[in-house]
């Protein structure tokens, strides 16, 4: 076998559909998207995020002071001043409190405090804040004060607190917003390094993971190529993942089934060739006898011609069964599903065997309900199933030549059984009895049958097309019972089909 490979001198192209390329691309895209989010949050939106966070913090502090003033029946001014100082010191925020009548004014800092917490607002800002809050229906406002000389901004947050115990209180909070440019520059440098490391790590991880995933797949592909070349003994090896292990097991099982199918095809070819050769040899031999010896002797001539006719019938049966099986398996002969009275059908099939009751002392029995037994199926194919099973029972009957066909309802299904009291089937052969050309073992007396060996295989194919369960129960020397089930069909007051 000539194997072709890549040209060593030809430059290898990147496989854009390959697992390695796809995983590398996906990991890079994920890393880029993640880094883009970090850059946006840490660099582009840093100022906005910083201001929003400071606003929430100042609002939380003002709400704390407001609740203390509004809901305390007795106000301890000294304790309130101490609390304001602590809040101011811990959060770098200046507070100025003033009642509506102007009689009480409290600040959170002194001249000794560090400048960051000193009063950074003036009368102009307080007047502006009071004007805005009086016009606000929510009694809460905030704005920013620019300090161009120091290049800083101050967040001014004001609320008017109403209390049932004392005068309404204006709470002013001033929080400096420090420039974050230097912080952004440091973060940008760090993020640049983090981005480069993340992209490199994404590539390395993608290459490692793609190799870990692709190696077992490549092994499976190589094994599949061996299978395609007819090496059915190949074993597919799994990998480090459940799905790949299951794929390997499935393909190994498929290879084993293909090997079995190949063996069956060889056996079928050998058996068919043998069964074709035997009657042809007999026909040729007896034809020569008629020509050379018994041509003038009517008695011998008729006997020899009878053998020729019998062997021709065997050939016709074999070819007919092969053709029937081929049509069923290929789907050429489509099923014609309709309502079928199984009782009438069984009685009709049995009537074709009644002649054996007189010629060979057979006894055929039908056990069925009085009423019609309606099922859904192909009448012609179901008739063929019954004919094959009854023929099988007749062929292997011994001294007790009773064949019984039974129809009964079991678990909501119509169960059809064909039982004989013949030689039976060895237990080790029950699983193979439905295979093509599988009469029985070579040592079994059933192998002496003159059947084509395809009857039960045809029966199996027809029953599978009907979606039926089927099987066989047998004991060697006591007989066999073949059975199958069909879906019932309820039909009321319907004339029987002709």
Protein backbone atom coordinates (compact mmCIF):
# COMPACT_ATOMS: atom_id res chain seq x y z
CA UNK A 1 0.00 0.00 0.00
CA UNK A 2 1.41 3.38 -1.01
CA UNK A 3 1.20 6.03 1.64
CA UNK A 4 1.47 9.68 0.78
CA UNK A 5 2.69 12.28 3.22
CA UNK A 6 3.40 15.98 3.31
CA UNK A 7 6.14 17.33 1.11
CA UNK A 8 9.14 18.15 3.36
CA UNK A 9 10.05 21.06 1.13
CA UNK A 10 6.62 22.58 1.23
CA UNK A 11 5.89 25.15 3.92
CA UNK A 12 3.25 23.88 6.33
CA UNK A 13 0.16 26.08 6.52
CA UNK A 14 -1.56 26.99 9.76
CA UNK A 15 -4.64 24.88 10.25
CA UNK A 16 -7.23 27.49 11.18
CA UNK A 17 -9.78 24.77 11.94
CA UNK A 18 -7.40 22.79 14.14
CA UNK A 19 -7.91 22.32 17.86
CA UNK A 20 -4.58 23.98 18.71
CA UNK A 21 -5.36 27.11 16.69
CA UNK A 22 -8.93 27.37 18.00
CA UNK A 23 -7.97 26.95 21.68
CA UNK A 24 -5.10 29.44 21.35
CA UNK A 25 -7.42 31.94 19.69
CA UNK A 26 -10.16 31.50 22.30
CA UNK A 27 -7.74 31.82 25.23
CA UNK A 28 -6.20 34.94 23.68
CA UNK A 29 -9.62 36.47 23.12
CA UNK A 30 -10.58 35.70 26.71
CA UNK A 31 -7.34 37.22 28.04
CA UNK A 32 -7.73 40.32 25.84
CA UNK A 33 -11.34 40.78 26.95
CA UNK A 34 -10.38 40.39 30.60
CA UNK A 35 -7.49 42.85 30.27
CA UNK A 36 -9.73 45.29 28.41
CA UNK A 37 -12.18 45.26 31.29
CA UNK A 38 -9.36 45.87 33.79
CA UNK A 39 -7.96 48.74 31.71
CA UNK A 40 -11.37 50.35 31.44
CA UNK A 41 -12.10 50.04 35.16
CA UNK A 42 -8.63 50.91 36.46
CA UNK A 43 -7.57 53.54 33.89
CA UNK A 44 -10.38 54.96 31.76
CA UNK A 45 -13.06 55.07 34.46
CA UNK A 46 -10.83 55.63 37.49
CA UNK A 47 -11.87 59.27 38.02
CA UNK A 48 -15.56 58.52 37.67
CA UNK A 49 -15.32 55.45 39.90
CA UNK A 50 -13.34 57.40 42.53
CA UNK A 51 -15.88 60.22 42.62
CA UNK A 52 -18.81 57.79 42.84
CA UNK A 53 -17.17 55.89 45.68
CA UNK A 54 -16.42 59.11 47.58
CA UNK A 55 -19.98 60.29 47.09
CA UNK A 56 -21.38 57.05 48.54
CA UNK A 57 -18.98 57.26 51.46
CA UNK A 58 -19.85 60.86 52.31
CA UNK A 59 -23.56 60.12 51.97
CA UNK A 60 -23.20 57.22 54.40
CA UNK A 61 -21.37 59.44 56.93
CA UNK A 62 -23.96 62.22 56.64
CA UNK A 63 -26.79 59.71 57.16
CA UNK A 64 -25.07 58.50 60.33
CA UNK A 65 -24.85 62.02 61.76
CA UNK A 66 -28.43 62.75 60.66
CA UNK A 67 -29.86 59.73 62.46
CA UNK A 68 -27.96 60.61 65.65
CA UNK A 69 -29.37 64.16 65.64
CA UNK A 70 -32.92 63.37 64.52
CA UNK A 71 -33.80 60.37 66.68
CA UNK A 72 -32.01 61.08 69.97
CA UNK A 73 -34.48 62.46 72.57
CA UNK A 74 -31.64 64.13 74.46
CA UNK A 75 -28.76 65.53 72.43
CA UNK A 76 -25.29 65.42 73.96
CA UNK A 77 -23.50 68.15 72.05
CA UNK A 78 -20.07 67.26 73.42
CA UNK A 79 -20.48 63.63 72.37
CA UNK A 80 -21.73 64.77 68.96
CA UNK A 81 -18.63 66.92 68.53
CA UNK A 82 -16.42 63.98 69.49
CA UNK A 83 -18.21 61.69 67.04
CA UNK A 84 -17.84 64.28 64.28
CA UNK A 85 -14.14 64.59 64.98
CA UNK A 86 -13.66 60.84 64.80
CA UNK A 87 -15.61 60.58 61.55
CA UNK A 88 -13.66 63.48 60.12
CA UNK A 89 -10.30 62.03 61.18
CA UNK A 90 -11.00 58.53 59.93
CA UNK A 91 -12.57 59.53 56.57
CA UNK A 92 -10.72 62.79 55.79
CA UNK A 93 -14.01 64.70 55.60
CA UNK A 94 -14.92 68.04 57.20
CA UNK A 95 -18.39 68.51 58.78
CA UNK A 96 -20.25 71.68 59.54
CA UNK A 97 -23.60 71.51 61.33
CA UNK A 98 -26.00 74.45 61.73
CA UNK A 99 -29.57 74.59 62.97
CA UNK A 100 -32.20 76.37 60.91
CA UNK A 101 -32.43 79.19 63.45
CA UNK A 102 -28.63 79.59 63.50
CA UNK A 103 -28.34 79.20 67.28
CA UNK A 104 -26.24 76.02 67.12
CA UNK A 105 -23.12 75.63 65.01
CA UNK A 106 -20.79 72.65 65.23
CA UNK A 107 -17.62 71.89 63.27
CA UNK A 108 -15.57 68.71 63.17
CA UNK A 109 -12.06 70.25 63.25
CA UNK A 110 -9.85 72.77 64.96
CA UNK A 111 -6.87 74.76 63.85
CA UNK A 112 -4.65 72.03 65.30
CA UNK A 113 -6.05 69.41 62.88
CA UNK A 114 -4.14 68.54 59.78
CA UNK A 115 -5.06 70.69 56.72
CA UNK A 116 -6.82 67.87 54.94
CA UNK A 117 -9.65 67.93 57.44
CA UNK A 118 -9.77 71.69 57.97
CA UNK A 119 -12.76 73.64 56.87
CA UNK A 120 -12.23 73.91 53.16
CA UNK A 121 -15.48 75.60 52.35
CA UNK A 122 -16.37 79.23 52.82
CA UNK A 123 -19.45 81.32 53.34
CA UNK A 124 -19.99 81.41 49.59
CA UNK A 125 -20.18 77.62 49.34
CA UNK A 126 -22.42 77.36 52.40
CA UNK A 127 -24.76 79.98 51.03
CA UNK A 128 -24.87 78.20 47.66
CA UNK A 129 -25.52 74.88 49.36
CA UNK A 130 -28.36 76.32 51.45
CA UNK A 131 -29.93 77.86 48.39
CA UNK A 132 -29.78 74.55 46.49
CA UNK A 133 -31.13 72.42 49.31
CA UNK A 134 -34.09 74.70 49.95
CA UNK A 135 -35.03 74.28 46.30
CA UNK A 136 -34.56 70.49 46.39
CA UNK A 137 -37.66 68.38 47.16
CA UNK A 138 -35.46 65.61 48.57
CA UNK A 139 -33.55 68.00 50.83
CA UNK A 140 -30.30 66.45 49.68
CA UNK A 141 -27.85 68.00 47.22
CA UNK A 142 -24.23 67.69 46.23
CA UNK A 143 -21.90 69.66 44.00
CA UNK A 144 -18.19 70.12 43.37
CA UNK A 145 -15.97 73.10 44.15
CA UNK A 146 -12.96 73.63 41.91
CA UNK A 147 -9.68 74.96 43.31
CA UNK A 148 -7.65 75.92 40.26
CA UNK A 149 -4.67 77.15 42.31
CA UNK A 150 -4.18 73.85 44.13
CA UNK A 151 -5.53 71.76 41.22
CA UNK A 152 -8.02 70.02 43.53
CA UNK A 153 -11.75 69.50 43.73
CA UNK A 154 -13.99 69.30 46.76
CA UNK A 155 -17.18 67.32 47.04
CA UNK A 156 -19.83 69.26 48.93
CA UNK A 157 -22.74 67.19 50.24
CA UNK A 158 -25.59 68.87 52.11
CA UNK A 159 -28.75 67.55 53.69
CA UNK A 160 -31.54 69.07 55.80
CA UNK A 161 -32.46 66.82 58.72
CA UNK A 162 -35.87 67.20 60.30
CA UNK A 163 -36.36 66.22 63.94
CA UNK A 164 -39.36 66.08 66.24
CA UNK A 165 -37.17 66.86 69.26
CA UNK A 166 -35.38 70.01 68.13
CA UNK A 167 -34.79 72.48 65.33
CA UNK A 168 -34.09 71.23 61.80
CA UNK A 169 -30.41 70.82 61.13
CA UNK A 170 -28.29 71.58 58.05
CA UNK A 171 -25.42 69.10 57.70
CA UNK A 172 -22.57 70.14 55.40
CA UNK A 173 -19.86 67.67 54.44
CA UNK A 174 -16.74 68.66 52.54
CA UNK A 175 -14.57 65.86 51.13
CA UNK A 176 -11.42 66.63 49.11
CA UNK A 177 -11.01 64.74 45.85
CA UNK A 178 -7.28 64.24 45.35
CA UNK A 179 -5.81 63.92 41.85
CA UNK A 180 -5.43 60.29 40.76
CA UNK A 181 -3.14 60.87 37.78
CA UNK A 182 -0.08 59.48 39.52
CA UNK A 183 -2.08 56.47 40.72
CA UNK A 184 -3.37 55.87 37.19
CA UNK A 185 0.17 55.99 35.83
CA UNK A 186 1.35 53.40 38.34
CA UNK A 187 -1.65 51.19 37.61
CA UNK A 188 -1.04 51.52 33.87
CA UNK A 189 2.52 50.31 34.27
CA UNK A 190 1.37 47.38 36.38
CA UNK A 191 -1.47 46.54 34.01
CA UNK A 192 0.91 46.57 31.07
CA UNK A 193 3.02 43.92 32.76
CA UNK A 194 -0.08 41.97 33.84
CA UNK A 195 -1.47 42.11 30.30
CA UNK A 196 1.75 40.83 28.74
CA UNK A 197 2.02 38.05 31.32
CA UNK A 198 -1.66 37.12 30.87
CA UNK A 199 -1.37 36.89 27.10
CA UNK A 200 1.77 34.78 27.36
CA UNK A 201 0.17 32.54 29.96
CA UNK A 202 -2.95 32.20 27.78
CA UNK A 203 -0.84 31.05 24.83
CA UNK A 204 1.14 28.57 26.91
CA UNK A 205 -2.00 27.22 28.58
CA UNK A 206 -3.76 26.90 25.21
CA UNK A 207 -0.81 25.03 23.69
CA UNK A 208 -0.60 22.68 26.68
CA UNK A 209 -4.34 22.04 26.81
CA UNK A 210 -4.65 21.61 23.04
CA UNK A 211 -1.84 19.06 23.09
CA UNK A 212 -3.47 17.24 25.99
CA UNK A 213 -6.77 17.15 24.08
CA UNK A 214 -5.44 16.46 20.61
CA UNK A 215 -3.06 13.58 21.43
CA UNK A 216 -5.81 11.05 22.24
CA UNK A 217 -7.86 12.33 19.29
CA UNK A 218 -4.89 11.86 16.98
CA UNK A 219 -4.45 8.31 18.30
CA UNK A 220 -8.13 7.64 17.66
CA UNK A 221 -7.79 9.09 14.16
CA UNK A 222 -4.80 6.84 13.40
CA UNK A 223 -6.67 3.82 14.73
CA UNK A 224 -9.69 4.77 12.61
CA UNK A 225 -7.47 4.84 9.53
CA UNK A 226 -6.31 1.32 10.39
CA UNK A 227 -9.95 0.30 10.78
CA UNK A 228 -10.74 1.78 7.37
CA UNK A 229 -7.98 -0.39 5.91
CA UNK A 230 -9.68 -3.51 7.25
CA UNK A 231 -7.74 -4.02 10.50
CA UNK A 232 -10.74 -4.85 12.65
CA UNK A 233 -8.60 -5.99 15.58
CA UNK A 234 -7.52 -2.40 16.24
CA UNK A 235 -8.12 -1.09 19.78
CA UNK A 236 -8.93 2.58 20.29
CA UNK A 237 -7.12 4.19 23.23
CA UNK A 238 -8.81 6.85 25.32
CA UNK A 239 -7.32 9.88 27.01
CA UNK A 240 -7.68 12.00 30.12
CA UNK A 241 -11.34 12.90 29.61
CA UNK A 242 -14.57 10.96 30.05
CA UNK A 243 -15.96 11.92 26.65
CA UNK A 244 -12.82 10.75 24.84
CA UNK A 245 -12.81 7.50 26.81
CA UNK A 246 -16.44 6.90 25.86
CA UNK A 247 -15.64 7.66 22.21
CA UNK A 248 -12.75 5.19 22.28
CA UNK A 249 -14.92 2.49 23.86
CA UNK A 250 -17.67 3.08 21.32
CA UNK A 251 -15.27 2.88 18.37
CA UNK A 252 -13.62 -0.25 19.77
CA UNK A 253 -17.04 -1.84 20.11
CA UNK A 254 -17.87 -0.76 16.54
CA UNK A 255 -14.62 -2.36 15.32
CA UNK A 256 -15.52 -5.58 17.11
CA UNK A 257 -18.99 -5.56 15.57
CA UNK A 258 -17.49 -4.92 12.13
CA UNK A 259 -15.18 -7.85 12.70
CA UNK A 260 -18.16 -10.02 13.59
CA UNK A 261 -20.03 -8.76 10.53
CA UNK A 262 -17.04 -9.57 8.35
CA UNK A 263 -16.93 -13.09 9.80
CA UNK A 264 -20.65 -13.48 9.23
CA UNK A 265 -20.32 -12.32 5.63
CA UNK A 266 -17.54 -14.81 5.00
CA UNK A 267 -19.58 -17.58 6.61
CA UNK A 268 -22.65 -16.54 4.64
CA UNK A 269 -20.72 -16.57 1.39
CA UNK A 270 -19.22 -19.95 2.20
CA UNK A 271 -22.56 -21.43 3.26
CA UNK A 272 -24.46 -20.04 0.29
CA UNK A 273 -21.75 -21.25 -2.06
CA UNK A 274 -21.91 -24.68 -0.47
CA UNK A 275 -25.70 -24.85 -0.57
CA UNK A 276 -25.71 -23.72 -4.19
CA UNK A 277 -23.07 -26.19 -5.19
CA UNK A 278 -24.73 -29.19 -3.52
CA UNK A 279 -28.12 -29.05 -5.33
CA UNK A 280 -26.42 -28.07 -8.59
CA UNK A 281 -24.17 -31.10 -8.28
CA UNK A 282 -27.19 -33.26 -7.56
CA UNK A 283 -29.10 -31.82 -10.52
CA UNK A 284 -26.15 -32.39 -12.83
CA UNK A 285 -25.55 -35.93 -11.56
CA UNK A 286 -29.16 -37.05 -11.84
CA UNK A 287 -29.53 -35.36 -15.21
CA UNK A 288 -26.59 -37.43 -16.44
CA UNK A 289 -28.23 -40.56 -14.97
CA UNK A 290 -31.43 -39.80 -16.83
CA UNK A 291 -29.48 -39.23 -20.03
CA UNK A 292 -27.21 -42.26 -19.78
CA UNK A 293 -29.05 -44.90 -17.72
CA UNK A 294 -32.68 -44.35 -16.73
CA UNK A 295 -33.91 -42.63 -19.84
CA UNK A 296 -35.63 -45.77 -21.08
CA UNK A 297 -36.78 -46.92 -17.61
CA UNK A 298 -39.85 -44.88 -16.63
CA UNK A 299 -39.71 -45.84 -12.96
CA UNK A 300 -36.06 -44.86 -12.46
CA UNK A 301 -36.43 -41.86 -14.73
CA UNK A 302 -39.32 -40.48 -12.67
CA UNK A 303 -37.39 -41.09 -9.45
CA UNK A 304 -34.34 -39.29 -10.78
CA UNK A 305 -36.43 -36.42 -12.15
CA UNK A 306 -38.12 -36.14 -8.73
CA UNK A 307 -34.71 -35.60 -7.12
CA UNK A 308 -33.90 -32.94 -9.71
CA UNK A 309 -37.18 -31.15 -9.00
CA UNK A 310 -36.58 -31.34 -5.22
CA UNK A 311 -33.10 -29.85 -5.54
CA UNK A 312 -34.43 -27.14 -7.87
CA UNK A 313 -37.00 -26.29 -5.22
CA UNK A 314 -34.20 -25.97 -2.66
CA UNK A 315 -32.36 -23.61 -4.98
CA UNK A 316 -35.52 -21.56 -5.49
CA UNK A 317 -36.11 -21.34 -1.73
CA UNK A 318 -32.52 -20.29 -1.04
CA UNK A 319 -32.49 -17.60 -3.74
CA UNK A 320 -35.93 -16.40 -2.65
CA UNK A 321 -34.85 -16.05 1.00
CA UNK A 322 -31.67 -14.20 0.03
CA UNK A 323 -33.68 -11.80 -2.13
CA UNK A 324 -36.28 -11.27 0.60
CA UNK A 325 -33.64 -10.54 3.25
CA UNK A 326 -31.85 -8.14 0.92
CA UNK A 327 -35.06 -6.23 0.15
CA UNK A 328 -36.00 -5.92 3.83
CA UNK A 329 -32.55 -4.74 4.93
CA UNK A 330 -32.22 -2.23 2.07
CA UNK A 331 -35.73 -0.84 2.61
CA UNK A 332 -36.75 -1.48 -1.00
CA UNK A 333 -39.79 -3.45 0.06
CA UNK A 334 -41.64 -0.86 2.18
CA UNK A 335 -43.93 -1.84 5.03
CA UNK A 336 -47.66 -1.45 4.48
CA UNK A 337 -49.02 -0.87 7.97
CA UNK A 338 -52.71 -1.50 8.52
CA UNK A 339 -55.14 -3.10 10.95
CA UNK A 340 -54.66 -6.87 10.99
CA UNK A 341 -56.80 -9.54 12.64
CA UNK A 342 -54.01 -11.70 14.02
CA UNK A 343 -56.39 -14.54 14.86
CA UNK A 344 -57.64 -14.81 11.29
CA UNK A 345 -54.10 -14.43 9.94
CA UNK A 346 -52.77 -17.25 12.16
CA UNK A 347 -55.67 -19.51 11.20
CA UNK A 348 -55.01 -18.83 7.51
CA UNK A 349 -51.29 -19.63 7.83
CA UNK A 350 -52.02 -22.82 9.76
CA UNK A 351 -54.45 -23.93 7.05
CA UNK A 352 -51.55 -24.15 4.58
CA UNK A 353 -49.95 -26.76 6.84
CA UNK A 354 -53.10 -28.88 7.39
CA UNK A 355 -52.08 -31.27 4.63
CA UNK A 356 -49.28 -32.47 6.92
CA UNK A 357 -51.89 -33.71 9.38
CA UNK A 358 -52.87 -36.36 6.87
CA UNK A 359 -49.50 -37.01 5.27
CA UNK A 360 -47.19 -37.00 8.31
CA UNK A 361 -49.47 -37.16 11.39
CA UNK A 362 -48.81 -33.58 12.46
CA UNK A 363 -51.26 -31.79 14.75
CA UNK A 364 -51.66 -28.00 14.50
CA UNK A 365 -53.45 -26.10 17.30
CA UNK A 366 -54.51 -22.46 17.58
CA UNK A 367 -55.22 -21.06 21.03
CA UNK A 368 -56.80 -17.61 20.82
CA UNK A 369 -59.73 -15.56 22.19
CA UNK A 370 -63.16 -15.88 20.63
CA UNK A 371 -63.13 -12.27 19.43
CA UNK A 372 -60.82 -10.98 16.68
CA UNK A 373 -57.35 -9.97 17.83
CA UNK A 374 -56.59 -6.69 16.09
CA UNK A 375 -53.00 -5.45 15.82
CA UNK A 376 -51.16 -2.83 13.79
CA UNK A 377 -48.80 -4.26 11.22
CA UNK A 378 -48.05 -5.44 7.70
CA UNK A 379 -50.28 -8.45 7.07
CA UNK A 380 -48.05 -9.92 4.36
CA UNK A 381 -44.91 -9.66 6.49
CA UNK A 382 -46.61 -10.96 9.65
CA UNK A 383 -47.86 -13.91 7.62
CA UNK A 384 -44.29 -14.56 6.54
CA UNK A 385 -43.13 -14.44 10.18
CA UNK A 386 -45.72 -17.01 11.24
CA UNK A 387 -44.96 -19.17 8.21
CA UNK A 388 -41.22 -19.15 9.01
CA UNK A 389 -41.77 -20.00 12.68
CA UNK A 390 -44.25 -22.81 11.95
CA UNK A 391 -41.98 -24.17 9.22
CA UNK A 392 -39.15 -24.13 11.73
CA UNK A 393 -41.31 -26.04 14.24
CA UNK A 394 -42.33 -28.63 11.62
CA UNK A 395 -38.77 -29.07 10.41
CA UNK A 396 -37.39 -29.91 13.86
CA UNK A 397 -40.27 -31.93 15.29
CA UNK A 398 -39.60 -35.54 16.35
CA UNK A 399 -42.09 -38.19 17.46
CA UNK A 400 -44.48 -35.67 19.09
CA UNK A 401 -45.54 -33.66 16.06
CA UNK A 402 -47.69 -31.09 17.85
CA UNK A 403 -47.30 -27.44 16.87
CA UNK A 404 -49.26 -24.89 18.90
CA UNK A 405 -49.84 -21.22 18.01
CA UNK A 406 -51.06 -19.07 20.91
CA UNK A 407 -52.44 -15.52 20.96
CA UNK A 408 -52.94 -13.79 24.29
CA UNK A 409 -52.72 -10.34 25.84
CA UNK A 410 -49.76 -9.82 28.18
CA UNK A 411 -49.03 -6.44 29.82
CA UNK A 412 -51.12 -4.56 27.27
CA UNK A 413 -49.48 -6.25 24.26
CA UNK A 414 -50.53 -9.12 22.02
CA UNK A 415 -48.08 -11.98 22.55
CA UNK A 416 -47.83 -14.56 19.75
CA UNK A 417 -46.07 -17.87 20.49
CA UNK A 418 -45.22 -20.82 18.25
CA UNK A 419 -44.28 -23.90 20.28
CA UNK A 420 -43.10 -27.35 19.24
CA UNK A 421 -41.95 -30.49 21.08
CA UNK A 422 -38.98 -31.20 18.89
CA UNK A 423 -35.27 -31.55 19.47
CA UNK A 424 -34.84 -28.11 21.07
CA UNK A 425 -31.88 -25.76 20.88
CA UNK A 426 -28.70 -25.99 22.97
CA UNK A 427 -28.45 -23.16 25.51
CA UNK A 428 -25.17 -21.87 24.11
CA UNK A 429 -26.78 -21.36 20.68
CA UNK A 430 -29.88 -19.41 21.72
CA UNK A 431 -28.23 -15.99 21.30
CA UNK A 432 -26.96 -16.84 17.78
CA UNK A 433 -30.09 -18.53 16.46
CA UNK A 434 -31.36 -15.26 14.89
CA UNK A 435 -28.13 -14.61 12.96
CA UNK A 436 -28.00 -15.00 9.21
CA UNK A 437 -27.34 -18.53 8.06
CA UNK A 438 -27.16 -19.69 11.67
CA UNK A 439 -29.08 -22.93 11.85
CA UNK A 440 -27.24 -24.29 14.86
CA UNK A 441 -23.88 -25.76 15.78
CA UNK A 442 -22.29 -28.24 13.47
CA UNK A 443 -22.74 -30.96 16.08
CA UNK A 444 -26.44 -30.29 16.50
CA UNK A 445 -28.97 -32.46 14.73
CA UNK A 446 -30.72 -29.22 13.73
CA UNK A 447 -27.91 -28.67 11.26
CA UNK A 448 -29.27 -31.59 9.31
CA UNK A 449 -32.17 -29.41 8.27
CA UNK A 450 -32.63 -28.61 4.61
CA UNK A 451 -33.67 -25.02 5.25
CA UNK A 452 -31.88 -22.03 3.79
CA UNK A 453 -30.71 -20.83 7.19
CA UNK A 454 -32.19 -17.37 6.56
CA UNK A 455 -35.75 -17.86 7.83
CA UNK A 456 -35.14 -16.68 11.41
CA UNK A 457 -32.95 -13.83 10.20
CA UNK A 458 -35.80 -12.66 7.95
CA UNK A 459 -38.20 -13.04 10.88
CA UNK A 460 -35.92 -10.91 13.06
CA UNK A 461 -35.72 -8.12 10.46
CA UNK A 462 -39.51 -8.02 10.01
CA UNK A 463 -40.19 -7.93 13.76
CA UNK A 464 -37.63 -5.15 14.26
CA UNK A 465 -39.42 -3.11 11.58
CA UNK A 466 -42.62 -3.58 13.60
CA UNK A 467 -40.85 -2.46 16.79
CA UNK A 468 -41.67 -5.83 18.38
CA UNK A 469 -39.98 -7.63 21.24
CA UNK A 470 -39.15 -11.22 20.37
CA UNK A 471 -37.24 -14.20 21.68
CA UNK A 472 -37.04 -17.94 22.08
CA UNK A 473 -37.26 -20.30 25.03
CA UNK A 474 -35.92 -23.79 24.50
CA UNK A 475 -34.53 -26.87 26.20
CA UNK A 476 -32.60 -29.42 24.29
CA UNK A 477 -34.70 -32.54 23.80
CA UNK A 478 -37.94 -30.90 25.01
CA UNK A 479 -38.83 -28.45 22.24
CA UNK A 480 -38.78 -24.71 21.54
CA UNK A 481 -41.14 -21.78 21.97
CA UNK A 482 -40.63 -18.75 19.71
CA UNK A 483 -42.55 -15.61 20.68
CA UNK A 484 -43.04 -11.99 19.66
CA UNK A 485 -45.29 -9.11 20.72
CA UNK A 486 -47.38 -6.60 18.77
CA UNK A 487 -49.18 -3.40 19.67
CA UNK A 488 -52.95 -4.02 19.95
CA UNK A 489 -55.44 -1.91 18.06
CA UNK A 490 -58.97 -1.41 19.40
CA UNK A 491 -61.51 -1.65 16.60
CA UNK A 492 -65.23 -1.86 17.27
CA UNK A 493 -67.77 -3.37 14.86
CA UNK A 494 -65.38 -3.57 11.98
CA UNK A 495 -65.70 -6.08 9.18
CA UNK A 496 -62.85 -8.51 8.85
CA UNK A 497 -60.47 -7.81 5.99
CA UNK A 498 -60.81 -10.02 2.99
